[in-house]
Amino acid sequence: MKRNGAQILAKLEHLFRGGHETFLHQGTNERWRDVLTEADLALYEKHAHSALSLGLFDWLRNGRRVAGDPVSMPD
């Protein structure tokens, strides 16, 4: 992903200091597990459920392969 970051984030590259090189760090899944506490995760779940539609929450949690393309979601 980092190797193709310039293409993946082409429209957003200017939003991140250092562009995709700093935004896309190591590409290791679930790196947050060593950083976030159970209380952090519970707070995230609470806020995500209240701020996002069910479809977008599913996409954020499971990704496009499971939840589908967020652009085409009805909610």
PDB file of N, CA and C in Angstrom:
ATOM      1  N   MET A   1       0.824  -1.172   0.000  1.00  0.00           N
ATOM      2  CA  MET A   1       0.000   0.000   0.000  1.00  0.00           C
ATOM      3  C   MET A   1       0.884   1.258   0.000  1.00  0.00           C
ATOM      4  N   LYS A   2       1.932   1.244   0.808  1.00  0.00           N
ATOM      5  CA  LYS A   2       2.803   2.411   0.862  1.00  0.00           C
ATOM      6  C   LYS A   2       3.497   2.625  -0.478  1.00  0.00           C
ATOM      7  N   ARG A   3       3.861   1.527  -1.115  1.00  0.00           N
ATOM      8  CA  ARG A   3       4.529   1.615  -2.418  1.00  0.00           C
ATOM      9  C   ARG A   3       3.645   2.322  -3.438  1.00  0.00           C
ATOM     10  N   ASN A   4       2.322   2.123  -3.343  1.00  0.00           N
ATOM     11  CA  ASN A   4       1.374   2.734  -4.271  1.00  0.00           C
ATOM     12  C   ASN A   4       0.628   3.912  -3.649  1.00  0.00           C
ATOM     13  N   GLY A   5       1.144   4.415  -2.545  1.00  0.00           N
ATOM     14  CA  GLY A   5       0.474   5.472  -1.798  1.00  0.00           C
ATOM     15  C   GLY A   5       0.198   6.733  -2.597  1.00  0.00           C
ATOM     16  N   ALA A   6       1.106   7.114  -3.468  1.00  0.00           N
ATOM     17  CA  ALA A   6       0.900   8.336  -4.260  1.00  0.00           C
ATOM     18  C   ALA A   6      -0.339   8.202  -5.141  1.00  0.00           C
ATOM     19  N   GLN A   7      -0.587   7.011  -5.676  1.00  0.00           N
ATOM     20  CA  GLN A   7      -1.775   6.795  -6.500  1.00  0.00           C
ATOM     21  C   GLN A   7      -3.027   6.633  -5.630  1.00  0.00           C
ATOM     22  N   ILE A   8      -2.906   5.881  -4.543  1.00  0.00           N
ATOM     23  CA  ILE A   8      -4.046   5.607  -3.675  1.00  0.00           C
ATOM     24  C   ILE A   8      -4.577   6.898  -3.052  1.00  0.00           C
ATOM     25  N   LEU A   9      -3.680   7.766  -2.625  1.00  0.00           N
ATOM     26  CA  LEU A   9      -4.062   8.997  -1.933  1.00  0.00           C
ATOM     27  C   LEU A   9      -3.872  10.234  -2.801  1.00  0.00           C
ATOM     28  N   ALA A  10      -3.944  10.058  -4.103  1.00  0.00           N
ATOM     29  CA  ALA A  10      -3.649  11.162  -5.023  1.00  0.00           C
ATOM     30  C   ALA A  10      -4.423  12.434  -4.697  1.00  0.00           C
ATOM     31  N   LYS A  11      -5.697  12.323  -4.404  1.00  0.00           N
ATOM     32  CA  LYS A  11      -6.517  13.507  -4.129  1.00  0.00           C
ATOM     33  C   LYS A  11      -6.339  14.029  -2.707  1.00  0.00           C
ATOM     34  N   LEU A  12      -5.723  13.228  -1.843  1.00  0.00           N
ATOM     35  CA  LEU A  12      -5.579  13.612  -0.436  1.00  0.00           C
ATOM     36  C   LEU A  12      -4.134  13.862  -0.033  1.00  0.00           C
ATOM     37  N   GLU A  13      -3.213  13.640  -0.925  1.00  0.00           N
ATOM     38  CA  GLU A  13      -1.782  13.741  -0.617  1.00  0.00           C
ATOM     39  C   GLU A  13      -1.431  15.053   0.089  1.00  0.00           C
ATOM     40  N   HIS A  14      -2.016  16.144  -0.327  1.00  0.00           N
ATOM     41  CA  HIS A  14      -1.697  17.463   0.232  1.00  0.00           C
ATOM     42  C   HIS A  14      -2.217  17.657   1.661  1.00  0.00           C
ATOM     43  N   LEU A  15      -3.112  16.782   2.106  1.00  0.00           N
ATOM     44  CA  LEU A  15      -3.696  16.935   3.439  1.00  0.00           C
ATOM     45  C   LEU A  15      -2.793  16.422   4.563  1.00  0.00           C
ATOM     46  N   PHE A  16      -1.829  15.592   4.230  1.00  0.00           N
ATOM     47  CA  PHE A  16      -0.982  14.970   5.242  1.00  0.00           C
ATOM     48  C   PHE A  16       0.427  15.517   5.176  1.00  0.00           C
ATOM     49  N   ARG A  17       0.933  15.970   6.312  1.00  0.00           N
ATOM     50  CA  ARG A  17       2.321  16.424   6.372  1.00  0.00           C
ATOM     51  C   ARG A  17       3.214  15.248   5.988  1.00  0.00           C
ATOM     52  N   GLY A  18       3.979  15.411   4.957  1.00  0.00           N
ATOM     53  CA  GLY A  18       4.825  14.322   4.475  1.00  0.00           C
ATOM     54  C   GLY A  18       4.121  13.415   3.478  1.00  0.00           C
ATOM     55  N   GLY A  19       2.860  13.747   3.158  1.00  0.00           N
ATOM     56  CA  GLY A  19       2.110  12.962   2.175  1.00  0.00           C
ATOM     57  C   GLY A  19       1.903  11.521   2.597  1.00  0.00           C
ATOM     58  N   HIS A  20       1.796  10.657   1.617  1.00  0.00           N
ATOM     59  CA  HIS A  20       1.522   9.246   1.911  1.00  0.00           C
ATOM     60  C   HIS A  20       2.680   8.578   2.647  1.00  0.00           C
ATOM     61  N   GLU A  21       3.887   9.104   2.507  1.00  0.00           N
ATOM     62  CA  GLU A  21       5.044   8.499   3.174  1.00  0.00           C
ATOM     63  C   GLU A  21       4.889   8.492   4.696  1.00  0.00           C
ATOM     64  N   THR A  22       4.259   9.522   5.242  1.00  0.00           N
ATOM     65  CA  THR A  22       4.069   9.552   6.690  1.00  0.00           C
ATOM     66  C   THR A  22       2.693   9.037   7.106  1.00  0.00           C
ATOM     67  N   PHE A  23       1.690   9.206   6.246  1.00  0.00           N
ATOM     68  CA  PHE A  23       0.346   8.736   6.589  1.00  0.00           C
ATOM     69  C   PHE A  23       0.286   7.216   6.592  1.00  0.00           C
ATOM     70  N   LEU A  24       0.831   6.590   5.571  1.00  0.00           N
ATOM     71  CA  LEU A  24       0.872   5.129   5.491  1.00  0.00           C
ATOM     72  C   LEU A  24       2.175   4.684   6.155  1.00  0.00           C
ATOM     73  N   HIS A  25       2.076   4.269   7.388  1.00  0.00           N
ATOM     74  CA  HIS A  25       3.272   4.014   8.184  1.00  0.00           C
ATOM     75  C   HIS A  25       3.895   2.661   7.847  1.00  0.00           C
ATOM     76  N   GLN A  26       3.512   1.616   8.549  1.00  0.00           N
ATOM     77  CA  GLN A  26       4.127   0.313   8.348  1.00  0.00           C
ATOM     78  C   GLN A  26       3.258  -0.653   7.564  1.00  0.00           C
ATOM     79  N   GLY A  27       1.973  -0.384   7.507  1.00  0.00           N
ATOM     80  CA  GLY A  27       1.092  -1.293   6.792  1.00  0.00           C
ATOM     81  C   GLY A  27       0.839  -2.589   7.528  1.00  0.00           C
ATOM     82  N   THR A  28       1.046  -2.602   8.816  1.00  0.00           N
ATOM     83  CA  THR A  28       0.823  -3.799   9.617  1.00  0.00           C
ATOM     84  C   THR A  28      -0.586  -3.750  10.186  1.00  0.00           C
ATOM     85  N   ASN A  29      -1.364  -4.774   9.941  1.00  0.00           N
ATOM     86  CA  ASN A  29      -2.734  -4.811  10.450  1.00  0.00           C
ATOM     87  C   ASN A  29      -2.763  -4.909  11.964  1.00  0.00           C
ATOM     88  N   GLU A  30      -3.728  -4.228  12.527  1.00  0.00           N
ATOM     89  CA  GLU A  30      -4.032  -4.294  13.959  1.00  0.00           C
ATOM     90  C   GLU A  30      -2.871  -3.859  14.855  1.00  0.00           C
ATOM     91  N   ARG A  31      -2.032  -2.941  14.383  1.00  0.00           N
ATOM     92  CA  ARG A  31      -0.952  -2.403  15.215  1.00  0.00           C
ATOM     93  C   ARG A  31      -1.495  -1.708  16.447  1.00  0.00           C
ATOM     94  N   TRP A  32      -2.719  -1.194  16.354  1.00  0.00           N
ATOM     95  CA  TRP A  32      -3.349  -0.476  17.451  1.00  0.00           C
ATOM     96  C   TRP A  32      -3.568  -1.366  18.668  1.00  0.00           C
ATOM     97  N   ARG A  33      -3.599  -2.683  18.502  1.00  0.00           N
ATOM     98  CA  ARG A  33      -3.889  -3.582  19.629  1.00  0.00           C
ATOM     99  C   ARG A  33      -2.875  -3.431  20.764  1.00  0.00           C
ATOM    100  N   ASP A  34      -1.660  -3.047  20.450  1.00  0.00           N
ATOM    101  CA  ASP A  34      -0.641  -2.862  21.482  1.00  0.00           C
ATOM    102  C   ASP A  34      -0.681  -1.468  22.091  1.00  0.00           C
ATOM    103  N   VAL A  35      -1.549  -0.600  21.570  1.00  0.00           N
ATOM    104  CA  VAL A  35      -1.578   0.792  22.002  1.00  0.00           C
ATOM    105  C   VAL A  35      -2.864   1.143  22.739  1.00  0.00           C
ATOM    106  N   LEU A  36      -4.007   0.684  22.232  1.00  0.00           N
ATOM    107  CA  LEU A  36      -5.299   1.062  22.796  1.00  0.00           C
ATOM    108  C   LEU A  36      -5.727   0.125  23.917  1.00  0.00           C
ATOM    109  N   THR A  37      -6.318   0.705  24.945  1.00  0.00           N
ATOM    110  CA  THR A  37      -6.825  -0.086  26.063  1.00  0.00           C
ATOM    111  C   THR A  37      -8.269  -0.512  25.767  1.00  0.00           C
ATOM    112  N   GLU A  38      -8.801  -1.377  26.603  1.00  0.00           N
ATOM    113  CA  GLU A  38     -10.201  -1.780  26.465  1.00  0.00           C
ATOM    114  C   GLU A  38     -11.125  -0.566  26.613  1.00  0.00           C
ATOM    115  N   ALA A  39     -10.774   0.349  27.513  1.00  0.00           N
ATOM    116  CA  ALA A  39     -11.571   1.566  27.699  1.00  0.00           C
ATOM    117  C   ALA A  39     -11.525   2.440  26.443  1.00  0.00           C
ATOM    118  N   ASP A  40     -10.353   2.525  25.808  1.00  0.00           N
ATOM    119  CA  ASP A  40     -10.229   3.275  24.552  1.00  0.00           C
ATOM    120  C   ASP A  40     -11.136   2.677  23.483  1.00  0.00           C
ATOM    121  N   LEU A  41     -11.123   1.366  23.375  1.00  0.00           N
ATOM    122  CA  LEU A  41     -11.926   0.684  22.360  1.00  0.00           C
ATOM    123  C   LEU A  41     -13.415   0.861  22.628  1.00  0.00           C
ATOM    124  N   ALA A  42     -13.818   0.798  23.882  1.00  0.00           N
ATOM    125  CA  ALA A  42     -15.227   0.993  24.231  1.00  0.00           C
ATOM    126  C   ALA A  42     -15.674   2.416  23.888  1.00  0.00           C
ATOM    127  N   LEU A  43     -14.828   3.390  24.155  1.00  0.00           N
ATOM    128  CA  LEU A  43     -15.140   4.778  23.828  1.00  0.00           C
ATOM    129  C   LEU A  43     -15.252   4.959  22.314  1.00  0.00           C
ATOM    130  N   TYR A  44     -14.342   4.347  21.568  1.00  0.00           N
ATOM    131  CA  TYR A  44     -14.404   4.396  20.107  1.00  0.00           C
ATOM    132  C   TYR A  44     -15.724   3.804  19.606  1.00  0.00           C
ATOM    133  N   GLU A  45     -16.079   2.621  20.094  1.00  0.00           N
ATOM    134  CA  GLU A  45     -17.310   1.963  19.670  1.00  0.00           C
ATOM    135  C   GLU A  45     -18.522   2.863  19.928  1.00  0.00           C
ATOM    136  N   LYS A  46     -18.569   3.461  21.105  1.00  0.00           N
ATOM    137  CA  LYS A  46     -19.683   4.335  21.464  1.00  0.00           C
ATOM    138  C   LYS A  46     -19.793   5.509  20.499  1.00  0.00           C
ATOM    139  N   HIS A  47     -18.684   6.174  20.249  1.00  0.00           N
ATOM    140  CA  HIS A  47     -18.710   7.340  19.371  1.00  0.00           C
ATOM    141  C   HIS A  47     -18.936   6.954  17.912  1.00  0.00           C
ATOM    142  N   ALA A  48     -18.343   5.870  17.476  1.00  0.00           N
ATOM    143  CA  ALA A  48     -18.516   5.439  16.089  1.00  0.00           C
ATOM    144  C   ALA A  48     -19.969   5.077  15.816  1.00  0.00           C
ATOM    145  N   HIS A  49     -20.607   4.365  16.745  1.00  0.00           N
ATOM    146  CA  HIS A  49     -22.013   3.997  16.549  1.00  0.00           C
ATOM    147  C   HIS A  49     -22.929   5.210  16.506  1.00  0.00           C
ATOM    148  N   SER A  50     -22.588   6.233  17.268  1.00  0.00           N
ATOM    149  CA  SER A  50     -23.458   7.415  17.282  1.00  0.00           C
ATOM    150  C   SER A  50     -23.180   8.362  16.115  1.00  0.00           C
ATOM    151  N   ALA A  51     -21.987   8.314  15.565  1.00  0.00           N
ATOM    152  CA  ALA A  51     -21.613   9.260  14.502  1.00  0.00           C
ATOM    153  C   ALA A  51     -21.766   8.704  13.094  1.00  0.00           C
ATOM    154  N   LEU A  52     -21.774   7.386  12.945  1.00  0.00           N
ATOM    155  CA  LEU A  52     -21.776   6.771  11.618  1.00  0.00           C
ATOM    156  C   LEU A  52     -23.036   5.961  11.374  1.00  0.00           C
ATOM    157  N   SER A  53     -23.404   5.850  10.112  1.00  0.00           N
ATOM    158  CA  SER A  53     -24.495   4.943   9.760  1.00  0.00           C
ATOM    159  C   SER A  53     -24.002   3.515   9.981  1.00  0.00           C
ATOM    160  N   LEU A  54     -24.927   2.566  10.046  1.00  0.00           N
ATOM    161  CA  LEU A  54     -24.540   1.165  10.242  1.00  0.00           C
ATOM    162  C   LEU A  54     -23.639   0.680   9.113  1.00  0.00           C
ATOM    163  N   GLY A  55     -23.952   1.094   7.881  1.00  0.00           N
ATOM    164  CA  GLY A  55     -23.143   0.685   6.736  1.00  0.00           C
ATOM    165  C   GLY A  55     -21.724   1.211   6.812  1.00  0.00           C
ATOM    166  N   LEU A  56     -21.574   2.476   7.154  1.00  0.00           N
ATOM    167  CA  LEU A  56     -20.230   3.049   7.257  1.00  0.00           C
ATOM    168  C   LEU A  56     -19.456   2.478   8.435  1.00  0.00           C
ATOM    169  N   PHE A  57     -20.153   2.206   9.537  1.00  0.00           N
ATOM    170  CA  PHE A  57     -19.490   1.577  10.676  1.00  0.00           C
ATOM    171  C   PHE A  57     -18.978   0.197  10.279  1.00  0.00           C
ATOM    172  N   ASP A  58     -19.791  -0.567   9.563  1.00  0.00           N
ATOM    173  CA  ASP A  58     -19.382  -1.892   9.086  1.00  0.00           C
ATOM    174  C   ASP A  58     -18.177  -1.782   8.167  1.00  0.00           C
ATOM    175  N   TRP A  59     -18.191  -0.796   7.267  1.00  0.00           N
ATOM    176  CA  TRP A  59     -17.076  -0.603   6.351  1.00  0.00           C
ATOM    177  C   TRP A  59     -15.802  -0.248   7.120  1.00  0.00           C
ATOM    178  N   LEU A  60     -15.915   0.634   8.103  1.00  0.00           N
ATOM    179  CA  LEU A  60     -14.751   1.041   8.871  1.00  0.00           C
ATOM    180  C   LEU A  60     -14.171  -0.128   9.653  1.00  0.00           C
ATOM    181  N   ARG A  61     -15.033  -0.938  10.187  1.00  0.00           N
ATOM    182  CA  ARG A  61     -14.582  -2.073  10.995  1.00  0.00           C
ATOM    183  C   ARG A  61     -14.053  -3.217  10.146  1.00  0.00           C
ATOM    184  N   ASN A  62     -14.724  -3.516   9.032  1.00  0.00           N
ATOM    185  CA  ASN A  62     -14.410  -4.726   8.272  1.00  0.00           C
ATOM    186  C   ASN A  62     -13.780  -4.500   6.906  1.00  0.00           C
ATOM    187  N   GLY A  63     -13.821  -3.266   6.421  1.00  0.00           N
ATOM    188  CA  GLY A  63     -13.216  -2.993   5.124  1.00  0.00           C
ATOM    189  C   GLY A  63     -14.151  -3.272   3.957  1.00  0.00           C
ATOM    190  N   ARG A  64     -13.698  -2.892   2.793  1.00  0.00           N
ATOM    191  CA  ARG A  64     -14.487  -2.969   1.567  1.00  0.00           C
ATOM    192  C   ARG A  64     -14.818  -4.406   1.163  1.00  0.00           C
ATOM    193  N   ARG A  65     -13.912  -5.325   1.406  1.00  0.00           N
ATOM    194  CA  ARG A  65     -14.154  -6.714   0.972  1.00  0.00           C
ATOM    195  C   ARG A  65     -15.350  -7.333   1.676  1.00  0.00           C
ATOM    196  N   VAL A  66     -15.572  -6.952   2.918  1.00  0.00           N
ATOM    197  CA  VAL A  66     -16.696  -7.486   3.693  1.00  0.00           C
ATOM    198  C   VAL A  66     -17.925  -6.591   3.553  1.00  0.00           C
ATOM    199  N   ALA A  67     -17.739  -5.295   3.741  1.00  0.00           N
ATOM    200  CA  ALA A  67     -18.870  -4.366   3.815  1.00  0.00           C
ATOM    201  C   ALA A  67     -19.300  -3.797   2.459  1.00  0.00           C
ATOM    202  N   GLY A  68     -18.429  -3.857   1.487  1.00  0.00           N
ATOM    203  CA  GLY A  68     -18.746  -3.274   0.184  1.00  0.00           C
ATOM    204  C   GLY A  68     -18.187  -1.868   0.037  1.00  0.00           C
ATOM    205  N   ASP A  69     -18.406  -1.282  -1.099  1.00  0.00           N
ATOM    206  CA  ASP A  69     -17.902   0.045  -1.417  1.00  0.00           C
ATOM    207  C   ASP A  69     -18.736   1.095  -0.696  1.00  0.00           C
ATOM    208  N   PRO A  70     -18.131   1.942   0.145  1.00  0.00           N
ATOM    209  CA  PRO A  70     -18.907   2.925   0.890  1.00  0.00           C
ATOM    210  C   PRO A  70     -19.611   3.945  -0.005  1.00  0.00           C
ATOM    211  N   VAL A  71     -19.106   4.179  -1.177  1.00  0.00           N
ATOM    212  CA  VAL A  71     -19.717   5.140  -2.105  1.00  0.00           C
ATOM    213  C   VAL A  71     -21.094   4.649  -2.551  1.00  0.00           C
ATOM    214  N   SER A  72     -21.243   3.343  -2.682  1.00  0.00           N
ATOM    215  CA  SER A  72     -22.515   2.799  -3.172  1.00  0.00           C
ATOM    216  C   SER A  72     -23.472   2.395  -2.056  1.00  0.00           C
ATOM    217  N   MET A  73     -23.123   2.680  -0.807  1.00  0.00           N
ATOM    218  CA  MET A  73     -24.008   2.316   0.306  1.00  0.00           C
ATOM    219  C   MET A  73     -25.222   3.226   0.342  1.00  0.00           C
ATOM    220  N   PRO A  74     -26.400   2.641   0.600  1.00  0.00           N
ATOM    221  CA  PRO A  74     -27.616   3.447   0.614  1.00  0.00           C
ATOM    222  C   PRO A  74     -27.688   4.394   1.802  1.00  0.00           C
ATOM    223  N   ASP A  75     -26.996   4.079   2.880  1.00  0.00           N
ATOM    224  CA  ASP A  75     -27.056   4.942   4.071  1.00  0.00           C
ATOM    225  C   ASP A  75     -25.800   5.753   4.166  1.00  0.00           C
TER     226      ASP A  75
END
